[in-house]
Amino acid sequence: MTGKQIAIIGGGPAGLMAAEVLSFSGHRVTVYDSMPTVARKFLLAGKTGLNITHSEDYIRFAKRFGPSSDRLRSALDSFTPDDIKNWASALGTETFTGSSGRVFPNAMKASPLLRAWLSRLEAQGVKVLTRHRWSGFAEGGFAFETSKGRTIVQCDAALLALGGASYPRLGSNAAWIPWLRERGVEIADFQPANCGFDVAWSENFAQRFAGKPLKAVTATSDAGTFPGEFVISRHGIEGSLVYAHAASLRDRLASDGNSALMVDLTPGRTTERLSRDLARQDVKASLSNRLRKGAGIEGVKTALLRELAPSAALSDPQQLPRLIKVLPIPLLRPRPITEAISSAGGIRWSSVDDAYMLKALPGVFVAGEMIDWEAPTGGYLLSACFATGRAAARGMEAWLKW
């Protein structure tokens, strides 16, 4: 073979996508992964339905990556959501679009797609070595700890695709940070993304309502106002609607020391209508009955009002409707990064050139969640991992031709 020897360190979606591109071009590709099998987080995500991408208007889709949207745009343009669906179809996995716009495999699971993908990679000559834990640079190459001891790998170029810092038990533990910092790579500290938050619930409320969902609400933060639902947890709040606001809530806590998620418990009713409907209720009736009949709320929504609103406000005909429409849930802190779906932080874009090569380490490229970008759930994370893996592979190909 005339191709170059390529080392891909990290067998998640970004690394495997780069392996596909490079091996198709005739390079000799070896994927190294610390776990017993590759793509562990990919498989975990697929247990409840693999959300492979999103079907929304592409211009809107491409802006879902916050401050990194412009930097990611070229990679995303080269592997759009439609391209992802076609890629999956070529591997025998047809997809469908759910009511939320999220795109899923028909089988909902990740394992059939992964098996077909790995078979294709094997047919293209990709070698996969598991239980190979990268332990830093050594002798001009890369050191790995294996069951047979330490080994040094030399290669013509390498891709680091080791993930962020969420789900460390699946291999994404950010152990690589000191080795890159020693070589002059700038790295932003990791933070939880798509995470829950701690709230100072009373013991009685936490015991009675942990696990209860708040459905048909909207929530507002600096990120905007979105409809959906979330769940009361023993420690605070979590769920898809919270995750949609997580970055702005986290950043507000960091900058101001306080933050609150503003919840509308009755999105279909105006404050004025609530005022009229509540005013019609018997003043001698209990608060629960007045809320049920006058505002259409009960159960955990009523309990949340009681938990968070001052007693005087609950009996004030002017304050109560406003609280139902804008109920602040004060937050203490994000939940630990080990519980987060994804992470923010990582290798700063200033350390990465347009070809996804580290400026301080010629011949070493990066992709996926190692880089400092974040996105909401809904297929965006996986889409960008695929796209950056392909972009890094193309960048590597161009560099190897020099």
Protein backbone atom coordinates (compact mmCIF):
# COMPACT_ATOMS: atom_id res chain seq x y z
CA MET A 1 0.00 0.00 0.00
CA THR A 2 1.21 3.51 -0.79
CA GLY A 3 -0.92 5.32 1.80
CA LYS A 4 0.43 6.89 4.97
CA GLN A 5 0.31 5.35 8.43
CA ILE A 6 -2.45 7.08 10.43
CA ALA A 7 -3.19 6.76 14.15
CA ILE A 8 -6.67 7.70 15.32
CA ILE A 9 -6.84 7.89 19.10
CA GLY A 10 -10.43 7.55 20.23
CA GLY A 11 -13.04 5.26 18.69
CA GLY A 12 -16.14 7.41 19.02
CA PRO A 13 -18.19 8.87 16.15
CA ALA A 14 -15.61 11.54 15.27
CA GLY A 15 -12.72 9.09 15.20
CA LEU A 16 -14.58 6.41 13.27
CA MET A 17 -15.80 8.95 10.72
CA ALA A 18 -12.24 10.14 10.16
CA ALA A 19 -11.12 6.51 9.83
CA GLU A 20 -13.76 5.96 7.14
CA VAL A 21 -12.59 8.93 5.07
CA LEU A 22 -8.87 8.22 5.41
CA SER A 23 -9.08 4.48 4.75
CA PHE A 24 -11.26 5.09 1.70
CA SER A 25 -8.43 7.25 0.37
CA GLY A 26 -5.99 4.36 0.76
CA HIS A 27 -4.24 5.28 3.99
CA ARG A 28 -3.31 2.66 6.58
CA VAL A 29 -5.50 3.53 9.54
CA THR A 30 -5.40 2.17 13.07
CA VAL A 31 -7.98 3.22 15.65
CA TYR A 32 -6.88 3.04 19.29
CA ASP A 33 -9.45 3.02 22.08
CA SER A 34 -9.04 2.60 25.83
CA MET A 35 -12.29 0.68 26.32
CA PRO A 36 -13.01 -3.00 25.55
CA THR A 37 -15.18 -1.92 22.60
CA VAL A 38 -15.43 1.28 20.57
CA ALA A 39 -18.20 3.90 20.53
CA ARG A 40 -19.47 3.15 24.04
CA LYS A 41 -21.16 6.54 24.48
CA PHE A 42 -22.70 6.23 21.01
CA LEU A 43 -24.23 2.91 22.03
CA LEU A 44 -25.45 4.30 25.36
CA ALA A 45 -27.16 7.20 23.59
CA GLY A 46 -28.89 4.69 21.33
CA LYS A 47 -30.42 2.66 24.14
CA THR A 48 -33.40 5.02 24.37
CA GLY A 49 -33.45 5.93 20.69
CA LEU A 50 -30.45 7.10 18.71
CA ASN A 51 -31.01 10.74 17.79
CA ILE A 52 -28.72 10.87 14.79
CA THR A 53 -29.39 14.41 13.54
CA HIS A 54 -32.14 17.04 13.22
CA SER A 55 -34.43 17.94 10.33
CA GLU A 56 -35.00 21.64 11.00
CA ASP A 57 -34.15 24.29 8.43
CA TYR A 58 -30.42 24.03 7.81
CA ILE A 59 -29.68 27.71 8.36
CA ARG A 60 -31.26 27.45 11.82
CA PHE A 61 -29.56 24.12 12.43
CA ALA A 62 -26.12 25.56 11.71
CA LYS A 63 -26.63 28.31 14.30
CA ARG A 64 -27.33 25.88 17.15
CA PHE A 65 -23.68 25.76 18.17
CA GLY A 66 -23.57 29.14 19.88
CA PRO A 67 -20.29 31.05 19.66
CA SER A 68 -18.72 28.16 17.71
CA SER A 69 -21.33 28.18 14.94
CA ASP A 70 -19.24 30.20 12.51
CA ARG A 71 -16.14 28.11 13.11
CA LEU A 72 -18.03 24.84 12.65
CA ARG A 73 -19.95 26.00 9.61
CA SER A 74 -17.53 24.72 6.96
CA ALA A 75 -17.46 21.25 8.50
CA LEU A 76 -21.24 21.18 8.86
CA ASP A 77 -21.71 22.35 5.28
CA SER A 78 -19.60 19.42 4.11
CA PHE A 79 -21.68 16.86 6.00
CA THR A 80 -25.20 18.17 6.44
CA PRO A 81 -28.13 16.43 8.18
CA ASP A 82 -29.27 15.17 4.76
CA ASP A 83 -25.79 13.75 4.16
CA ILE A 84 -25.96 11.97 7.50
CA LYS A 85 -29.29 10.37 6.59
CA ASN A 86 -27.89 9.25 3.25
CA TRP A 87 -24.77 7.90 4.92
CA ALA A 88 -26.85 5.88 7.38
CA SER A 89 -29.04 4.60 4.54
CA ALA A 90 -25.96 3.37 2.69
CA LEU A 91 -25.14 1.34 5.80
CA GLY A 92 -28.59 -0.25 5.73
CA THR A 93 -30.12 2.05 8.35
CA GLU A 94 -33.18 3.95 7.18
CA THR A 95 -34.34 6.88 9.29
CA PHE A 96 -37.54 8.69 10.18
CA THR A 97 -38.27 12.16 11.53
CA GLY A 98 -40.12 12.42 14.82
CA SER A 99 -42.70 15.06 15.73
CA SER A 100 -39.96 17.16 17.35
CA GLY A 101 -37.91 17.22 14.16
CA ARG A 102 -35.33 14.82 15.54
CA VAL A 103 -34.12 12.11 13.17
CA PHE A 104 -33.93 8.49 14.36
CA PRO A 105 -33.03 5.14 12.81
CA ASN A 106 -36.17 3.12 12.10
CA ALA A 107 -34.90 0.50 14.53
CA MET A 108 -34.28 3.28 17.12
CA LYS A 109 -31.12 1.50 18.31
CA ALA A 110 -27.47 2.37 17.68
CA SER A 111 -26.12 -1.16 17.58
CA PRO A 112 -27.25 -2.19 14.03
CA LEU A 113 -25.78 0.99 12.56
CA LEU A 114 -22.53 0.57 14.47
CA ARG A 115 -22.14 -3.06 13.42
CA ALA A 116 -22.60 -2.16 9.77
CA TRP A 117 -20.22 0.76 10.13
CA LEU A 118 -17.49 -1.33 11.72
CA SER A 119 -17.90 -3.96 9.01
CA ARG A 120 -17.40 -1.30 6.36
CA LEU A 121 -14.30 0.01 8.14
CA GLU A 122 -12.87 -3.49 8.39
CA ALA A 123 -13.48 -4.02 4.68
CA GLN A 124 -11.59 -0.79 4.00
CA GLY A 125 -8.62 -2.09 5.99
CA VAL A 126 -9.11 -0.14 9.22
CA LYS A 127 -7.50 -1.85 12.20
CA VAL A 128 -9.15 -1.36 15.59
CA LEU A 129 -7.12 -1.91 18.76
CA THR A 130 -9.12 -1.75 21.99
CA ARG A 131 -7.81 -1.63 25.56
CA HIS A 132 -5.12 0.76 24.33
CA ARG A 133 -5.09 3.74 26.67
CA TRP A 134 -3.15 6.72 25.43
CA SER A 135 -0.70 7.87 28.13
CA GLY A 136 1.02 10.80 26.44
CA PHE A 137 3.78 11.59 23.97
CA ALA A 138 7.00 9.58 23.95
CA GLU A 139 10.00 9.15 21.64
CA GLY A 140 8.44 11.28 18.92
CA GLY A 141 5.28 9.18 18.95
CA PHE A 142 2.35 8.20 21.13
CA ALA A 143 2.57 5.98 24.21
CA PHE A 144 -0.18 3.49 25.02
CA GLU A 145 -0.79 1.33 28.07
CA THR A 146 -2.06 -2.11 27.10
CA SER A 147 -2.61 -5.46 28.78
CA LYS A 148 0.83 -6.44 27.48
CA GLY A 149 2.53 -3.34 28.81
CA ARG A 150 3.57 -0.03 27.34
CA THR A 151 3.93 0.41 23.60
CA ILE A 152 5.05 3.35 21.46
CA VAL A 153 3.28 4.10 18.17
CA GLN A 154 4.97 6.03 15.38
CA CYS A 155 2.86 7.37 12.53
CA ASP A 156 2.82 9.88 9.71
CA ALA A 157 -0.12 11.78 11.20
CA ALA A 158 -2.54 11.35 14.08
CA LEU A 159 -6.06 12.37 15.02
CA LEU A 160 -7.08 12.87 18.64
CA ALA A 161 -10.80 12.20 19.09
CA LEU A 162 -10.99 11.44 22.80
CA GLY A 163 -14.25 13.18 23.66
CA GLY A 164 -14.94 15.70 26.39
CA ALA A 165 -15.33 15.14 30.12
CA SER A 166 -18.84 13.75 30.50
CA TYR A 167 -19.40 10.02 30.99
CA PRO A 168 -15.83 9.28 32.23
CA ARG A 169 -16.80 5.66 32.88
CA LEU A 170 -17.18 5.27 29.11
CA GLY A 171 -13.72 6.65 28.43
CA SER A 172 -14.26 10.42 28.09
CA ASN A 173 -12.29 11.50 31.13
CA ALA A 174 -10.16 14.39 29.76
CA ALA A 175 -6.95 12.73 31.03
CA TRP A 176 -5.23 14.15 27.95
CA ILE A 177 -5.39 17.77 29.12
CA PRO A 178 -1.95 18.01 30.82
CA TRP A 179 -0.13 16.36 27.90
CA LEU A 180 -1.50 18.89 25.42
CA ARG A 181 -1.04 21.86 27.74
CA GLU A 182 2.61 20.91 28.15
CA ARG A 183 2.95 21.20 24.37
CA GLY A 184 1.45 24.68 24.25
CA VAL A 185 -2.16 23.83 23.38
CA GLU A 186 -4.66 26.21 24.99
CA ILE A 187 -7.53 24.43 26.73
CA ALA A 188 -10.63 25.88 28.36
CA ASP A 189 -11.65 24.10 31.54
CA PHE A 190 -14.47 21.65 31.01
CA GLN A 191 -17.94 22.43 32.33
CA PRO A 192 -21.18 20.45 32.30
CA ALA A 193 -23.47 21.02 29.32
CA ASN A 194 -26.99 19.68 28.74
CA CYS A 195 -27.15 19.19 32.48
CA GLY A 196 -29.55 19.45 35.39
CA PHE A 197 -29.31 21.97 38.21
CA ASP A 198 -29.48 21.87 41.98
CA VAL A 199 -32.37 23.67 43.66
CA ALA A 200 -32.84 24.17 47.40
CA TRP A 201 -36.05 22.16 47.67
CA SER A 202 -37.64 21.63 51.05
CA GLU A 203 -37.31 18.06 52.25
CA ASN A 204 -41.05 17.50 52.03
CA PHE A 205 -41.26 18.74 48.42
CA ALA A 206 -38.24 16.70 47.31
CA GLN A 207 -39.57 13.51 48.87
CA ARG A 208 -43.08 13.88 47.46
CA PHE A 209 -42.35 15.11 43.96
CA ALA A 210 -38.93 13.81 42.88
CA GLY A 211 -39.41 12.13 39.51
CA LYS A 212 -42.60 14.03 38.68
CA PRO A 213 -42.69 15.71 35.25
CA LEU A 214 -43.91 19.23 34.58
CA LYS A 215 -45.61 18.95 31.22
CA ALA A 216 -46.99 21.57 28.84
CA VAL A 217 -44.96 24.48 30.19
CA THR A 218 -42.61 27.02 28.68
CA ALA A 219 -39.32 28.14 30.18
CA THR A 220 -37.33 31.32 29.66
CA SER A 221 -33.68 32.24 30.15
CA ASP A 222 -31.11 34.31 28.28
CA ALA A 223 -31.33 31.59 25.60
CA GLY A 224 -34.95 32.49 24.82
CA THR A 225 -38.37 30.97 25.49
CA PHE A 226 -39.10 27.34 24.59
CA PRO A 227 -42.02 24.97 25.20
CA GLY A 228 -41.54 21.48 26.55
CA GLU A 229 -41.31 19.61 29.81
CA PHE A 230 -38.84 18.85 32.56
CA VAL A 231 -38.63 16.73 35.69
CA ILE A 232 -38.34 17.51 39.38
CA SER A 233 -35.38 15.58 40.76
CA ARG A 234 -34.29 14.90 44.33
CA HIS A 235 -31.62 17.54 43.89
CA GLY A 236 -33.31 20.03 41.57
CA ILE A 237 -34.50 20.00 37.96
CA GLU A 238 -33.49 18.07 34.84
CA GLY A 239 -34.85 17.05 31.47
CA SER A 240 -35.00 18.25 27.89
CA LEU A 241 -36.45 21.70 28.57
CA VAL A 242 -33.80 22.38 31.23
CA TYR A 243 -31.04 21.18 28.91
CA ALA A 244 -32.20 23.66 26.25
CA HIS A 245 -31.40 26.46 28.71
CA ALA A 246 -28.43 24.84 30.44
CA ALA A 247 -25.63 26.85 28.80
CA SER A 248 -27.18 30.23 29.52
CA LEU A 249 -28.16 29.26 33.07
CA ARG A 250 -24.68 27.88 33.77
CA ASP A 251 -22.97 30.97 32.37
CA ARG A 252 -25.26 33.30 34.31
CA LEU A 253 -24.44 31.46 37.54
CA ALA A 254 -20.73 31.81 36.77
CA SER A 255 -20.92 35.54 35.95
CA ASP A 256 -23.50 36.76 38.47
CA GLY A 257 -23.46 34.10 41.19
CA ASN A 258 -27.20 33.55 40.79
CA SER A 259 -29.60 32.42 38.10
CA ALA A 260 -33.20 31.32 37.73
CA LEU A 261 -35.25 29.45 35.17
CA MET A 262 -38.48 31.34 34.55
CA VAL A 263 -41.41 28.95 34.05
CA ASP A 264 -44.85 29.62 32.59
CA LEU A 265 -47.20 27.03 34.07
CA THR A 266 -50.09 27.89 31.72
CA PRO A 267 -48.70 28.80 28.27
CA GLY A 268 -52.18 28.80 26.72
CA ARG A 269 -53.62 31.45 29.06
CA THR A 270 -52.76 35.12 29.40
CA THR A 271 -52.22 36.85 32.72
CA GLU A 272 -55.42 38.81 32.15
CA ARG A 273 -57.47 35.67 31.57
CA LEU A 274 -56.00 34.03 34.66
CA SER A 275 -56.89 37.08 36.71
CA ARG A 276 -60.50 36.94 35.52
CA ASP A 277 -60.85 33.17 35.95
CA LEU A 278 -59.30 33.13 39.41
CA ALA A 279 -61.44 36.07 40.51
CA ARG A 280 -64.57 34.01 39.78
CA GLN A 281 -63.59 31.32 42.27
CA ASP A 282 -65.08 31.05 45.76
CA VAL A 283 -62.73 32.90 48.12
CA LYS A 284 -63.51 30.30 50.78
CA ALA A 285 -62.26 27.44 48.57
CA SER A 286 -58.81 26.00 49.09
CA LEU A 287 -55.91 27.29 46.98
CA SER A 288 -55.69 23.90 45.26
CA ASN A 289 -59.33 24.04 44.19
CA ARG A 290 -59.09 27.64 43.04
CA LEU A 291 -56.00 26.85 40.96
CA ARG A 292 -57.54 23.72 39.48
CA LYS A 293 -60.81 25.41 38.51
CA GLY A 294 -59.51 28.87 37.71
CA ALA A 295 -56.10 28.14 36.17
CA GLY A 296 -56.31 24.51 35.11
CA ILE A 297 -53.28 23.50 37.14
CA GLU A 298 -52.92 20.88 39.82
CA GLY A 299 -50.56 18.29 41.25
CA VAL A 300 -46.88 19.08 40.89
CA LYS A 301 -47.58 22.49 39.34
CA THR A 302 -49.58 23.56 42.37
CA ALA A 303 -46.94 22.12 44.66
CA LEU A 304 -44.23 24.04 42.81
CA LEU A 305 -46.13 27.28 43.32
CA ARG A 306 -46.48 26.57 47.02
CA GLU A 307 -42.81 25.67 47.26
CA LEU A 308 -41.44 28.78 45.56
CA ALA A 309 -43.94 31.60 46.04
CA PRO A 310 -44.29 33.61 49.27
CA SER A 311 -47.49 32.81 51.13
CA ALA A 312 -48.69 36.39 50.82
CA ALA A 313 -48.32 36.25 47.03
CA LEU A 314 -50.48 33.13 46.79
CA SER A 315 -53.40 34.98 48.35
CA ASP A 316 -52.85 38.20 46.40
CA PRO A 317 -55.20 38.34 43.35
CA GLN A 318 -52.70 40.50 41.45
CA GLN A 319 -49.50 38.61 42.25
CA LEU A 320 -50.80 35.05 41.84
CA PRO A 321 -51.61 35.25 38.09
CA ARG A 322 -48.20 36.81 37.41
CA LEU A 323 -46.44 34.05 39.34
CA ILE A 324 -48.31 31.38 37.41
CA LYS A 325 -47.04 32.95 34.19
CA VAL A 326 -43.51 33.76 35.37
CA LEU A 327 -42.46 31.52 38.23
CA PRO A 328 -38.72 31.78 38.96
CA ILE A 329 -36.91 28.59 39.98
CA PRO A 330 -33.71 29.82 41.66
CA LEU A 331 -30.72 27.61 40.88
CA LEU A 332 -27.76 26.78 43.11
CA ARG A 333 -25.31 25.14 40.72
CA PRO A 334 -25.15 22.79 37.72
CA ARG A 335 -25.13 19.10 38.48
CA PRO A 336 -21.67 17.45 38.30
CA ILE A 337 -20.11 17.02 34.88
CA THR A 338 -20.07 13.24 35.36
CA GLU A 339 -23.89 13.36 35.13
CA ALA A 340 -24.03 15.71 32.14
CA ILE A 341 -25.00 14.56 28.67
CA SER A 342 -22.13 16.53 27.20
CA SER A 343 -19.48 19.07 28.15
CA ALA A 344 -18.44 22.60 27.29
CA GLY A 345 -14.79 23.57 27.18
CA GLY A 346 -11.82 21.78 25.69
CA ILE A 347 -9.20 22.75 23.12
CA ARG A 348 -9.64 26.41 22.25
CA TRP A 349 -10.29 27.25 18.63
CA SER A 350 -7.28 29.57 18.75
CA SER A 351 -5.09 26.46 19.02
CA VAL A 352 -6.68 24.75 16.00
CA ASP A 353 -6.10 25.77 12.39
CA ASP A 354 -8.73 25.68 9.65
CA ALA A 355 -7.75 22.10 8.78
CA TYR A 356 -8.36 20.94 12.39
CA MET A 357 -4.64 20.55 13.04
CA LEU A 358 -3.13 21.70 16.34
CA LYS A 359 -0.97 24.73 15.62
CA ALA A 360 1.53 23.69 18.30
CA LEU A 361 1.76 20.09 17.05
CA PRO A 362 2.10 19.76 13.27
CA GLY A 363 0.64 16.47 12.07
CA VAL A 364 -1.68 16.12 15.07
CA PHE A 365 -5.34 16.82 14.34
CA VAL A 366 -8.38 17.00 16.63
CA ALA A 367 -12.12 16.42 16.23
CA GLY A 368 -15.32 15.97 18.19
CA GLU A 369 -16.00 17.03 21.75
CA MET A 370 -12.32 17.56 22.56
CA ILE A 371 -12.73 20.99 20.97
CA ASP A 372 -14.38 23.88 22.81
CA TRP A 373 -17.91 23.86 21.39
CA GLU A 374 -21.28 22.80 22.72
CA ALA A 375 -24.77 22.25 21.38
CA PRO A 376 -28.21 21.32 22.69
CA THR A 377 -29.52 17.80 22.55
CA GLY A 378 -31.55 16.85 19.50
CA GLY A 379 -28.98 15.39 17.13
CA TYR A 380 -26.70 18.42 17.05
CA LEU A 381 -23.91 16.91 19.14
CA LEU A 382 -23.63 13.79 17.04
CA SER A 383 -23.91 15.75 13.79
CA ALA A 384 -20.97 17.97 14.72
CA CYS A 385 -18.89 14.99 15.84
CA PHE A 386 -19.45 13.35 12.45
CA ALA A 387 -18.74 16.60 10.62
CA THR A 388 -15.56 17.52 12.48
CA GLY A 389 -14.25 13.96 12.10
CA ARG A 390 -14.63 14.22 8.35
CA ALA A 391 -13.22 17.76 8.25
CA ALA A 392 -10.14 16.72 10.25
CA ALA A 393 -9.61 13.75 7.93
CA ARG A 394 -9.76 16.02 4.87
CA GLY A 395 -7.37 18.41 6.56
CA MET A 396 -5.00 15.57 7.30
CA GLU A 397 -5.12 14.37 3.70
CA ALA A 398 -4.19 17.84 2.46
CA TRP A 399 -1.36 18.13 4.98
CA LEU A 400 0.07 14.71 4.03
CA LYS A 401 0.36 15.79 0.40
CA TRP A 402 2.81 18.56 1.24
